[in-house]
Amino acid sequence: MFEENFCIKRIKELMEKNGYNTYRLAKQSGISLSTLSSMFEHNTEPRIETLEKICSACNISVAQFFERSSRDLSKEQDEILKIFDSLSRKHKDMARSYLLFLSENE
């Protein structure tokens, strides 16, 4: 399970790694400075859309963002995520659609 405020802590780690302050992350990600500042001040977890923009600004996938918890994944789940990360956007969308189809028809 993820620790409390995992996303906030992880974002701060990525900011440090990339040499970003809040202003620079806002510029690189296209997220307003007020949104980021509020998120940090109130320790509120970001929405997925915000997280995707942050990951893009840091040149990582959302899966890589959460990689630290990979010990919670089975070998099979870890393998699937690695394969998924290597796919093009089009193929990721196709794989996701197929998985949704399978889950709805179980």
PDB file of N, CA and C in Angstrom:
ATOM      1  N   MET A   1       0.843  -1.181   0.000  1.00  0.00           N
ATOM      2  CA  MET A   1       0.000   0.000   0.000  1.00  0.00           C
ATOM      3  C   MET A   1       0.890   1.247   0.000  1.00  0.00           C
ATOM      4  N   PHE A   2       0.393   2.314  -0.563  1.00  0.00           N
ATOM      5  CA  PHE A   2       1.160   3.549  -0.621  1.00  0.00           C
ATOM      6  C   PHE A   2       1.074   4.297   0.696  1.00  0.00           C
ATOM      7  N   GLU A   3       2.164   4.969   1.033  1.00  0.00           N
ATOM      8  CA  GLU A   3       2.188   5.784   2.229  1.00  0.00           C
ATOM      9  C   GLU A   3       1.369   7.046   2.001  1.00  0.00           C
ATOM     10  N   GLU A   4       0.964   7.667   3.106  1.00  0.00           N
ATOM     11  CA  GLU A   4       0.207   8.904   3.021  1.00  0.00           C
ATOM     12  C   GLU A   4       1.052   9.978   2.339  1.00  0.00           C
ATOM     13  N   ASN A   5       0.430  10.749   1.484  1.00  0.00           N
ATOM     14  CA  ASN A   5       1.099  11.823   0.735  1.00  0.00           C
ATOM     15  C   ASN A   5       2.216  11.308  -0.170  1.00  0.00           C
ATOM     16  N   PHE A   6       2.107  10.070  -0.611  1.00  0.00           N
ATOM     17  CA  PHE A   6       3.120   9.477  -1.486  1.00  0.00           C
ATOM     18  C   PHE A   6       3.370  10.355  -2.707  1.00  0.00           C
ATOM     19  N   CYS A   7       2.301  10.790  -3.359  1.00  0.00           N
ATOM     20  CA  CYS A   7       2.446  11.560  -4.599  1.00  0.00           C
ATOM     21  C   CYS A   7       3.178  12.875  -4.366  1.00  0.00           C
ATOM     22  N   ILE A   8       2.834  13.561  -3.297  1.00  0.00           N
ATOM     23  CA  ILE A   8       3.493  14.834  -3.001  1.00  0.00           C
ATOM     24  C   ILE A   8       4.983  14.610  -2.769  1.00  0.00           C
ATOM     25  N   LYS A   9       5.311  13.602  -1.980  1.00  0.00           N
ATOM     26  CA  LYS A   9       6.723  13.298  -1.703  1.00  0.00           C
ATOM     27  C   LYS A   9       7.455  12.920  -2.988  1.00  0.00           C
ATOM     28  N   ARG A  10       6.809  12.122  -3.824  1.00  0.00           N
ATOM     29  CA  ARG A  10       7.431  11.671  -5.072  1.00  0.00           C
ATOM     30  C   ARG A  10       7.638  12.845  -6.030  1.00  0.00           C
ATOM     31  N   ILE A  11       6.664  13.739  -6.104  1.00  0.00           N
ATOM     32  CA  ILE A  11       6.793  14.920  -6.968  1.00  0.00           C
ATOM     33  C   ILE A  11       7.970  15.780  -6.506  1.00  0.00           C
ATOM     34  N   LYS A  12       8.107  15.956  -5.209  1.00  0.00           N
ATOM     35  CA  LYS A  12       9.223  16.750  -4.679  1.00  0.00           C
ATOM     36  C   LYS A  12      10.566  16.083  -4.996  1.00  0.00           C
ATOM     37  N   GLU A  13      10.613  14.751  -4.940  1.00  0.00           N
ATOM     38  CA  GLU A  13      11.834  14.036  -5.318  1.00  0.00           C
ATOM     39  C   GLU A  13      12.179  14.289  -6.779  1.00  0.00           C
ATOM     40  N   LEU A  14      11.155  14.211  -7.633  1.00  0.00           N
ATOM     41  CA  LEU A  14      11.376  14.433  -9.062  1.00  0.00           C
ATOM     42  C   LEU A  14      11.795  15.875  -9.342  1.00  0.00           C
ATOM     43  N   MET A  15      11.218  16.806  -8.607  1.00  0.00           N
ATOM     44  CA  MET A  15      11.600  18.207  -8.773  1.00  0.00           C
ATOM     45  C   MET A  15      13.077  18.384  -8.439  1.00  0.00           C
ATOM     46  N   GLU A  16      13.496  17.802  -7.348  1.00  0.00           N
ATOM     47  CA  GLU A  16      14.897  17.908  -6.947  1.00  0.00           C
ATOM     48  C   GLU A  16      15.811  17.261  -7.986  1.00  0.00           C
ATOM     49  N   LYS A  17      15.420  16.083  -8.438  1.00  0.00           N
ATOM     50  CA  LYS A  17      16.217  15.361  -9.433  1.00  0.00           C
ATOM     51  C   LYS A  17      16.377  16.174 -10.719  1.00  0.00           C
ATOM     52  N   ASN A  18      15.318  16.876 -11.121  1.00  0.00           N
ATOM     53  CA  ASN A  18      15.330  17.640 -12.363  1.00  0.00           C
ATOM     54  C   ASN A  18      15.743  19.098 -12.182  1.00  0.00           C
ATOM     55  N   GLY A  19      16.039  19.482 -10.950  1.00  0.00           N
ATOM     56  CA  GLY A  19      16.445  20.864 -10.695  1.00  0.00           C
ATOM     57  C   GLY A  19      15.299  21.847 -10.834  1.00  0.00           C
ATOM     58  N   TYR A  20      14.069  21.397 -10.553  1.00  0.00           N
ATOM     59  CA  TYR A  20      12.890  22.250 -10.684  1.00  0.00           C
ATOM     60  C   TYR A  20      12.502  22.840  -9.334  1.00  0.00           C
ATOM     61  N   ASN A  21      12.131  24.110  -9.354  1.00  0.00           N
ATOM     62  CA  ASN A  21      11.388  24.669  -8.226  1.00  0.00           C
ATOM     63  C   ASN A  21       9.921  24.659  -8.665  1.00  0.00           C
ATOM     64  N   THR A  22       9.041  25.133  -7.819  1.00  0.00           N
ATOM     65  CA  THR A  22       7.612  25.081  -8.148  1.00  0.00           C
ATOM     66  C   THR A  22       7.307  25.870  -9.415  1.00  0.00           C
ATOM     67  N   TYR A  23       7.924  27.032  -9.549  1.00  0.00           N
ATOM     68  CA  TYR A  23       7.704  27.854 -10.735  1.00  0.00           C
ATOM     69  C   TYR A  23       8.136  27.123 -12.003  1.00  0.00           C
ATOM     70  N   ARG A  24       9.311  26.511 -11.968  1.00  0.00           N
ATOM     71  CA  ARG A  24       9.836  25.809 -13.151  1.00  0.00           C
ATOM     72  C   ARG A  24       8.964  24.598 -13.512  1.00  0.00           C
ATOM     73  N   LEU A  25       8.508  23.870 -12.492  1.00  0.00           N
ATOM     74  CA  LEU A  25       7.619  22.736 -12.755  1.00  0.00           C
ATOM     75  C   LEU A  25       6.321  23.219 -13.387  1.00  0.00           C
ATOM     76  N   ALA A  26       5.805  24.327 -12.907  1.00  0.00           N
ATOM     77  CA  ALA A  26       4.586  24.898 -13.479  1.00  0.00           C
ATOM     78  C   ALA A  26       4.788  25.214 -14.957  1.00  0.00           C
ATOM     79  N   LYS A  27       5.900  25.854 -15.271  1.00  0.00           N
ATOM     80  CA  LYS A  27       6.202  26.209 -16.670  1.00  0.00           C
ATOM     81  C   LYS A  27       6.364  24.971 -17.543  1.00  0.00           C
ATOM     82  N   GLN A  28       7.131  23.989 -17.057  1.00  0.00           N
ATOM     83  CA  GLN A  28       7.417  22.781 -17.838  1.00  0.00           C
ATOM     84  C   GLN A  28       6.187  21.904 -18.031  1.00  0.00           C
ATOM     85  N   SER A  29       5.292  21.912 -17.043  1.00  0.00           N
ATOM     86  CA  SER A  29       4.142  21.002 -17.088  1.00  0.00           C
ATOM     87  C   SER A  29       2.875  21.638 -17.654  1.00  0.00           C
ATOM     88  N   GLY A  30       2.824  22.955 -17.646  1.00  0.00           N
ATOM     89  CA  GLY A  30       1.604  23.627 -18.091  1.00  0.00           C
ATOM     90  C   GLY A  30       0.535  23.677 -17.008  1.00  0.00           C
ATOM     91  N   ILE A  31       0.925  23.399 -15.781  1.00  0.00           N
ATOM     92  CA  ILE A  31       0.007  23.470 -14.636  1.00  0.00           C
ATOM     93  C   ILE A  31       0.194  24.850 -14.016  1.00  0.00           C
ATOM     94  N   SER A  32      -0.894  25.452 -13.578  1.00  0.00           N
ATOM     95  CA  SER A  32      -0.756  26.792 -13.007  1.00  0.00           C
ATOM     96  C   SER A  32       0.058  26.749 -11.718  1.00  0.00           C
ATOM     97  N   LEU A  33       0.787  27.806 -11.503  1.00  0.00           N
ATOM     98  CA  LEU A  33       1.601  27.926 -10.297  1.00  0.00           C
ATOM     99  C   LEU A  33       0.721  27.856  -9.048  1.00  0.00           C
ATOM    100  N   SER A  34      -0.456  28.461  -9.120  1.00  0.00           N
ATOM    101  CA  SER A  34      -1.355  28.447  -7.953  1.00  0.00           C
ATOM    102  C   SER A  34      -1.840  27.029  -7.644  1.00  0.00           C
ATOM    103  N   THR A  35      -2.080  26.231  -8.667  1.00  0.00           N
ATOM    104  CA  THR A  35      -2.499  24.837  -8.452  1.00  0.00           C
ATOM    105  C   THR A  35      -1.403  24.051  -7.751  1.00  0.00           C
ATOM    106  N   LEU A  36      -0.180  24.174  -8.250  1.00  0.00           N
ATOM    107  CA  LEU A  36       0.937  23.458  -7.632  1.00  0.00           C
ATOM    108  C   LEU A  36       1.190  23.945  -6.209  1.00  0.00           C
ATOM    109  N   SER A  37       1.204  25.249  -6.022  1.00  0.00           N
ATOM    110  CA  SER A  37       1.461  25.810  -4.690  1.00  0.00           C
ATOM    111  C   SER A  37       0.408  25.333  -3.696  1.00  0.00           C
ATOM    112  N   SER A  38      -0.833  25.360  -4.093  1.00  0.00           N
ATOM    113  CA  SER A  38      -1.921  24.914  -3.229  1.00  0.00           C
ATOM    114  C   SER A  38      -1.783  23.426  -2.899  1.00  0.00           C
ATOM    115  N   MET A  39      -1.430  22.632  -3.895  1.00  0.00           N
ATOM    116  CA  MET A  39      -1.254  21.197  -3.711  1.00  0.00           C
ATOM    117  C   MET A  39      -0.174  20.934  -2.663  1.00  0.00           C
ATOM    118  N   PHE A  40       0.942  21.649  -2.740  1.00  0.00           N
ATOM    119  CA  PHE A  40       2.038  21.463  -1.790  1.00  0.00           C
ATOM    120  C   PHE A  40       1.684  22.008  -0.400  1.00  0.00           C
ATOM    121  N   GLU A  41       1.061  23.165  -0.356  1.00  0.00           N
ATOM    122  CA  GLU A  41       0.722  23.780   0.937  1.00  0.00           C
ATOM    123  C   GLU A  41      -0.271  22.946   1.730  1.00  0.00           C
ATOM    124  N   HIS A  42      -1.239  22.373   1.036  1.00  0.00           N
ATOM    125  CA  HIS A  42      -2.307  21.625   1.713  1.00  0.00           C
ATOM    126  C   HIS A  42      -2.102  20.109   1.678  1.00  0.00           C
ATOM    127  N   ASN A  43      -0.975  19.667   1.116  1.00  0.00           N
ATOM    128  CA  ASN A  43      -0.676  18.234   0.986  1.00  0.00           C
ATOM    129  C   ASN A  43      -1.835  17.455   0.372  1.00  0.00           C
ATOM    130  N   THR A  44      -2.395  18.008  -0.702  1.00  0.00           N
ATOM    131  CA  THR A  44      -3.480  17.313  -1.394  1.00  0.00           C
ATOM    132  C   THR A  44      -2.904  16.532  -2.569  1.00  0.00           C
ATOM    133  N   GLU A  45      -3.360  15.319  -2.714  1.00  0.00           N
ATOM    134  CA  GLU A  45      -2.887  14.473  -3.804  1.00  0.00           C
ATOM    135  C   GLU A  45      -3.394  15.034  -5.134  1.00  0.00           C
ATOM    136  N   PRO A  46      -2.573  15.008  -6.166  1.00  0.00           N
ATOM    137  CA  PRO A  46      -2.978  15.578  -7.462  1.00  0.00           C
ATOM    138  C   PRO A  46      -3.992  14.697  -8.178  1.00  0.00           C
ATOM    139  N   ARG A  47      -4.778  15.331  -9.033  1.00  0.00           N
ATOM    140  CA  ARG A  47      -5.669  14.572  -9.916  1.00  0.00           C
ATOM    141  C   ARG A  47      -4.802  13.865 -10.944  1.00  0.00           C
ATOM    142  N   ILE A  48      -5.342  12.839 -11.564  1.00  0.00           N
ATOM    143  CA  ILE A  48      -4.558  12.049 -12.527  1.00  0.00           C
ATOM    144  C   ILE A  48      -4.089  12.915 -13.695  1.00  0.00           C
ATOM    145  N   GLU A  49      -4.911  13.864 -14.137  1.00  0.00           N
ATOM    146  CA  GLU A  49      -4.518  14.737 -15.240  1.00  0.00           C
ATOM    147  C   GLU A  49      -3.295  15.578 -14.852  1.00  0.00           C
ATOM    148  N   THR A  50      -3.287  16.039 -13.611  1.00  0.00           N
ATOM    149  CA  THR A  50      -2.161  16.825 -13.108  1.00  0.00           C
ATOM    150  C   THR A  50      -0.920  15.949 -13.019  1.00  0.00           C
ATOM    151  N   LEU A  51      -1.101  14.751 -12.505  1.00  0.00           N
ATOM    152  CA  LEU A  51       0.018  13.816 -12.377  1.00  0.00           C
ATOM    153  C   LEU A  51       0.611  13.466 -13.737  1.00  0.00           C
ATOM    154  N   GLU A  52      -0.242  13.276 -14.740  1.00  0.00           N
ATOM    155  CA  GLU A  52       0.244  12.979 -16.096  1.00  0.00           C
ATOM    156  C   GLU A  52       1.100  14.121 -16.628  1.00  0.00           C
ATOM    157  N   LYS A  53       0.684  15.359 -16.389  1.00  0.00           N
ATOM    158  CA  LYS A  53       1.449  16.523 -16.856  1.00  0.00           C
ATOM    159  C   LYS A  53       2.785  16.624 -16.128  1.00  0.00           C
ATOM    160  N   ILE A  54       2.782  16.337 -14.839  1.00  0.00           N
ATOM    161  CA  ILE A  54       4.022  16.372 -14.065  1.00  0.00           C
ATOM    162  C   ILE A  54       4.986  15.299 -14.569  1.00  0.00           C
ATOM    163  N   CYS A  55       4.458  14.110 -14.796  1.00  0.00           N
ATOM    164  CA  CYS A  55       5.297  13.023 -15.307  1.00  0.00           C
ATOM    165  C   CYS A  55       5.881  13.377 -16.667  1.00  0.00           C
ATOM    166  N   SER A  56       5.071  13.957 -17.521  1.00  0.00           N
ATOM    167  CA  SER A  56       5.542  14.361 -18.837  1.00  0.00           C
ATOM    168  C   SER A  56       6.664  15.395 -18.719  1.00  0.00           C
ATOM    169  N   ALA A  57       6.502  16.362 -17.821  1.00  0.00           N
ATOM    170  CA  ALA A  57       7.526  17.392 -17.619  1.00  0.00           C
ATOM    171  C   ALA A  57       8.826  16.798 -17.087  1.00  0.00           C
ATOM    172  N   CYS A  58       8.716  15.675 -16.383  1.00  0.00           N
ATOM    173  CA  CYS A  58       9.900  15.011 -15.821  1.00  0.00           C
ATOM    174  C   CYS A  58      10.385  13.860 -16.700  1.00  0.00           C
ATOM    175  N   ASN A  59       9.777  13.719 -17.870  1.00  0.00           N
ATOM    176  CA  ASN A  59      10.153  12.686 -18.841  1.00  0.00           C
ATOM    177  C   ASN A  59      10.058  11.263 -18.299  1.00  0.00           C
ATOM    178  N   ILE A  60       8.989  11.004 -17.553  1.00  0.00           N
ATOM    179  CA  ILE A  60       8.739   9.648 -17.075  1.00  0.00           C
ATOM    180  C   ILE A  60       7.280   9.311 -17.326  1.00  0.00           C
ATOM    181  N   SER A  61       6.958   8.035 -17.302  1.00  0.00           N
ATOM    182  CA  SER A  61       5.564   7.610 -17.428  1.00  0.00           C
ATOM    183  C   SER A  61       4.924   7.594 -16.045  1.00  0.00           C
ATOM    184  N   VAL A  62       3.617   7.541 -16.027  1.00  0.00           N
ATOM    185  CA  VAL A  62       2.907   7.447 -14.751  1.00  0.00           C
ATOM    186  C   VAL A  62       3.304   6.140 -14.052  1.00  0.00           C
ATOM    187  N   ALA A  63       3.487   5.078 -14.815  1.00  0.00           N
ATOM    188  CA  ALA A  63       3.921   3.795 -14.234  1.00  0.00           C
ATOM    189  C   ALA A  63       5.274   3.959 -13.546  1.00  0.00           C
ATOM    190  N   GLN A  64       6.182   4.690 -14.170  1.00  0.00           N
ATOM    191  CA  GLN A  64       7.492   4.924 -13.562  1.00  0.00           C
ATOM    192  C   GLN A  64       7.375   5.765 -12.296  1.00  0.00           C
ATOM    193  N   PHE A  65       6.409   6.669 -12.281  1.00  0.00           N
ATOM    194  CA  PHE A  65       6.172   7.492 -11.094  1.00  0.00           C
ATOM    195  C   PHE A  65       5.894   6.604  -9.880  1.00  0.00           C
ATOM    196  N   PHE A  66       5.117   5.545 -10.112  1.00  0.00           N
ATOM    197  CA  PHE A  66       4.721   4.656  -9.027  1.00  0.00           C
ATOM    198  C   PHE A  66       5.644   3.443  -8.884  1.00  0.00           C
ATOM    199  N   GLU A  67       6.708   3.397  -9.633  1.00  0.00           N
ATOM    200  CA  GLU A  67       7.599   2.243  -9.666  1.00  0.00           C
ATOM    201  C   GLU A  67       8.126   1.838  -8.297  1.00  0.00           C
ATOM    202  N   ARG A  68       8.297   2.771  -7.405  1.00  0.00           N
ATOM    203  CA  ARG A  68       8.844   2.466  -6.089  1.00  0.00           C
ATOM    204  C   ARG A  68       8.020   1.432  -5.346  1.00  0.00           C
ATOM    205  N   SER A  69       6.762   1.293  -5.684  1.00  0.00           N
ATOM    206  CA  SER A  69       5.922   0.311  -5.003  1.00  0.00           C
ATOM    207  C   SER A  69       5.878  -0.997  -5.777  1.00  0.00           C
ATOM    208  N   SER A  70       6.766  -1.138  -6.754  1.00  0.00           N
ATOM    209  CA  SER A  70       6.726  -2.344  -7.579  1.00  0.00           C
ATOM    210  C   SER A  70       6.883  -3.607  -6.749  1.00  0.00           C
ATOM    211  N   ARG A  71       7.432  -3.485  -5.538  1.00  0.00           N
ATOM    212  CA  ARG A  71       7.541  -4.664  -4.676  1.00  0.00           C
ATOM    213  C   ARG A  71       6.153  -5.198  -4.319  1.00  0.00           C
ATOM    214  N   ASP A  72       5.115  -4.364  -4.471  1.00  0.00           N
ATOM    215  CA  ASP A  72       3.746  -4.787  -4.206  1.00  0.00           C
ATOM    216  C   ASP A  72       3.141  -5.505  -5.403  1.00  0.00           C
ATOM    217  N   LEU A  73       3.833  -5.497  -6.534  1.00  0.00           N
ATOM    218  CA  LEU A  73       3.322  -6.126  -7.745  1.00  0.00           C
ATOM    219  C   LEU A  73       3.848  -7.553  -7.853  1.00  0.00           C
ATOM    220  N   SER A  74       3.019  -8.403  -8.445  1.00  0.00           N
ATOM    221  CA  SER A  74       3.501  -9.746  -8.732  1.00  0.00           C
ATOM    222  C   SER A  74       4.479  -9.657  -9.900  1.00  0.00           C
ATOM    223  N   LYS A  75       5.234 -10.731 -10.132  1.00  0.00           N
ATOM    224  CA  LYS A  75       6.157 -10.749 -11.274  1.00  0.00           C
ATOM    225  C   LYS A  75       5.392 -10.529 -12.572  1.00  0.00           C
ATOM    226  N   GLU A  76       4.239 -11.170 -12.669  1.00  0.00           N
ATOM    227  CA  GLU A  76       3.419 -11.052 -13.875  1.00  0.00           C
ATOM    228  C   GLU A  76       2.955  -9.608 -14.086  1.00  0.00           C
ATOM    229  N   GLN A  77       2.500  -8.942 -13.022  1.00  0.00           N
ATOM    230  CA  GLN A  77       2.058  -7.555 -13.131  1.00  0.00           C
ATOM    231  C   GLN A  77       3.214  -6.633 -13.515  1.00  0.00           C
ATOM    232  N   ASP A  78       4.375  -6.858 -12.916  1.00  0.00           N
ATOM    233  CA  ASP A  78       5.550  -6.056 -13.226  1.00  0.00           C
ATOM    234  C   ASP A  78       5.942  -6.224 -14.694  1.00  0.00           C
ATOM    235  N   GLU A  79       5.912  -7.457 -15.183  1.00  0.00           N
ATOM    236  CA  GLU A  79       6.245  -7.731 -16.583  1.00  0.00           C
ATOM    237  C   GLU A  79       5.268  -7.032 -17.520  1.00  0.00           C
ATOM    238  N   ILE A  80       3.991  -7.079 -17.197  1.00  0.00           N
ATOM    239  CA  ILE A  80       2.971  -6.439 -18.034  1.00  0.00           C
ATOM    240  C   ILE A  80       3.185  -4.925 -18.071  1.00  0.00           C
ATOM    241  N   LEU A  81       3.490  -4.317 -16.939  1.00  0.00           N
ATOM    242  CA  LEU A  81       3.740  -2.874 -16.920  1.00  0.00           C
ATOM    243  C   LEU A  81       4.954  -2.490 -17.752  1.00  0.00           C
ATOM    244  N   LYS A  82       5.998  -3.297 -17.687  1.00  0.00           N
ATOM    245  CA  LYS A  82       7.195  -3.009 -18.474  1.00  0.00           C
ATOM    246  C   LYS A  82       6.894  -3.105 -19.968  1.00  0.00           C
ATOM    247  N   ILE A  83       6.152  -4.106 -20.361  1.00  0.00           N
ATOM    248  CA  ILE A  83       5.769  -4.240 -21.769  1.00  0.00           C
ATOM    249  C   ILE A  83       4.898  -3.060 -22.183  1.00  0.00           C
ATOM    250  N   PHE A  84       3.922  -2.719 -21.351  1.00  0.00           N
ATOM    251  CA  PHE A  84       3.018  -1.610 -21.642  1.00  0.00           C
ATOM    252  C   PHE A  84       3.793  -0.307 -21.824  1.00  0.00           C
ATOM    253  N   ASP A  85       4.779  -0.052 -20.950  1.00  0.00           N
ATOM    254  CA  ASP A  85       5.585   1.170 -21.041  1.00  0.00           C
ATOM    255  C   ASP A  85       6.353   1.270 -22.354  1.00  0.00           C
ATOM    256  N   SER A  86       6.667   0.128 -22.954  1.00  0.00           N
ATOM    257  CA  SER A  86       7.454   0.142 -24.186  1.00  0.00           C
ATOM    258  C   SER A  86       6.599   0.377 -25.435  1.00  0.00           C
ATOM    259  N   LEU A  87       5.277   0.357 -25.282  1.00  0.00           N
ATOM    260  CA  LEU A  87       4.380   0.504 -26.428  1.00  0.00           C
ATOM    261  C   LEU A  87       4.217   1.961 -26.850  1.00  0.00           C
ATOM    262  N   SER A  88       3.841   2.139 -28.096  1.00  0.00           N
ATOM    263  CA  SER A  88       3.498   3.481 -28.584  1.00  0.00           C
ATOM    264  C   SER A  88       2.160   3.884 -27.969  1.00  0.00           C
ATOM    265  N   ARG A  89       1.836   5.168 -28.019  1.00  0.00           N
ATOM    266  CA  ARG A  89       0.555   5.662 -27.483  1.00  0.00           C
ATOM    267  C   ARG A  89      -0.610   4.912 -28.119  1.00  0.00           C
ATOM    268  N   LYS A  90      -0.561   4.701 -29.432  1.00  0.00           N
ATOM    269  CA  LYS A  90      -1.640   4.013 -30.146  1.00  0.00           C
ATOM    270  C   LYS A  90      -1.808   2.586 -29.613  1.00  0.00           C
ATOM    271  N   HIS A  91      -0.693   1.885 -29.453  1.00  0.00           N
ATOM    272  CA  HIS A  91      -0.763   0.516 -28.974  1.00  0.00           C
ATOM    273  C   HIS A  91      -1.158   0.444 -27.500  1.00  0.00           C
ATOM    274  N   LYS A  92      -0.781   1.456 -26.709  1.00  0.00           N
ATOM    275  CA  LYS A  92      -1.230   1.509 -25.317  1.00  0.00           C
ATOM    276  C   LYS A  92      -2.743   1.644 -25.259  1.00  0.00           C
ATOM    277  N   ASP A  93      -3.290   2.505 -26.107  1.00  0.00           N
ATOM    278  CA  ASP A  93      -4.742   2.688 -26.155  1.00  0.00           C
ATOM    279  C   ASP A  93      -5.439   1.395 -26.573  1.00  0.00           C
ATOM    280  N   MET A  94      -4.852   0.693 -27.533  1.00  0.00           N
ATOM    281  CA  MET A  94      -5.433  -0.577 -27.994  1.00  0.00           C
ATOM    282  C   MET A  94      -5.378  -1.625 -26.882  1.00  0.00           C
ATOM    283  N   ALA A  95      -4.254  -1.703 -26.182  1.00  0.00           N
ATOM    284  CA  ALA A  95      -4.103  -2.677 -25.095  1.00  0.00           C
ATOM    285  C   ALA A  95      -5.092  -2.385 -23.972  1.00  0.00           C
ATOM    286  N   ARG A  96      -5.233  -1.117 -23.637  1.00  0.00           N
ATOM    287  CA  ARG A  96      -6.174  -0.725 -22.586  1.00  0.00           C
ATOM    288  C   ARG A  96      -7.606  -1.081 -22.994  1.00  0.00           C
ATOM    289  N   SER A  97      -7.967  -0.804 -24.232  1.00  0.00           N
ATOM    290  CA  SER A  97      -9.311  -1.138 -24.716  1.00  0.00           C
ATOM    291  C   SER A  97      -9.561  -2.640 -24.648  1.00  0.00           C
ATOM    292  N   TYR A  98      -8.563  -3.404 -25.032  1.00  0.00           N
ATOM    293  CA  TYR A  98      -8.689  -4.857 -25.000  1.00  0.00           C
ATOM    294  C   TYR A  98      -8.847  -5.363 -23.563  1.00  0.00           C
ATOM    295  N   LEU A  99      -8.069  -4.818 -22.644  1.00  0.00           N
ATOM    296  CA  LEU A  99      -8.186  -5.225 -21.248  1.00  0.00           C
ATOM    297  C   LEU A  99      -9.546  -4.860 -20.657  1.00  0.00           C
ATOM    298  N   LEU A 100     -10.042  -3.691 -21.013  1.00  0.00           N
ATOM    299  CA  LEU A 100     -11.383  -3.295 -20.563  1.00  0.00           C
ATOM    300  C   LEU A 100     -12.432  -4.253 -21.121  1.00  0.00           C
ATOM    301  N   PHE A 101     -12.297  -4.601 -22.390  1.00  0.00           N
ATOM    302  CA  PHE A 101     -13.215  -5.556 -23.017  1.00  0.00           C
ATOM    303  C   PHE A 101     -13.191  -6.892 -22.265  1.00  0.00           C
ATOM    304  N   LEU A 102     -11.996  -7.384 -21.976  1.00  0.00           N
ATOM    305  CA  LEU A 102     -11.859  -8.667 -21.274  1.00  0.00           C
ATOM    306  C   LEU A 102     -12.488  -8.603 -19.883  1.00  0.00           C
ATOM    307  N   SER A 103     -12.241  -7.514 -19.160  1.00  0.00           N
ATOM    308  CA  SER A 103     -12.770  -7.408 -17.805  1.00  0.00           C
ATOM    309  C   SER A 103     -14.294  -7.296 -17.780  1.00  0.00           C
ATOM    310  N   GLU A 104     -14.858  -6.679 -18.799  1.00  0.00           N
ATOM    311  CA  GLU A 104     -16.318  -6.541 -18.872  1.00  0.00           C
ATOM    312  C   GLU A 104     -16.996  -7.848 -19.276  1.00  0.00           C
ATOM    313  N   ASN A 105     -16.237  -8.745 -19.885  1.00  0.00           N
ATOM    314  CA  ASN A 105     -16.809 -10.001 -20.370  1.00  0.00           C
ATOM    315  C   ASN A 105     -16.343 -11.207 -19.555  1.00  0.00           C
ATOM    316  N   GLU A 106     -15.934 -10.987 -18.336  1.00  0.00           N
ATOM    317  CA  GLU A 106     -15.494 -12.061 -17.448  1.00  0.00           C
ATOM    318  C   GLU A 106     -16.673 -12.821 -16.921  1.00  0.00           C
TER     319      GLU A 106
END
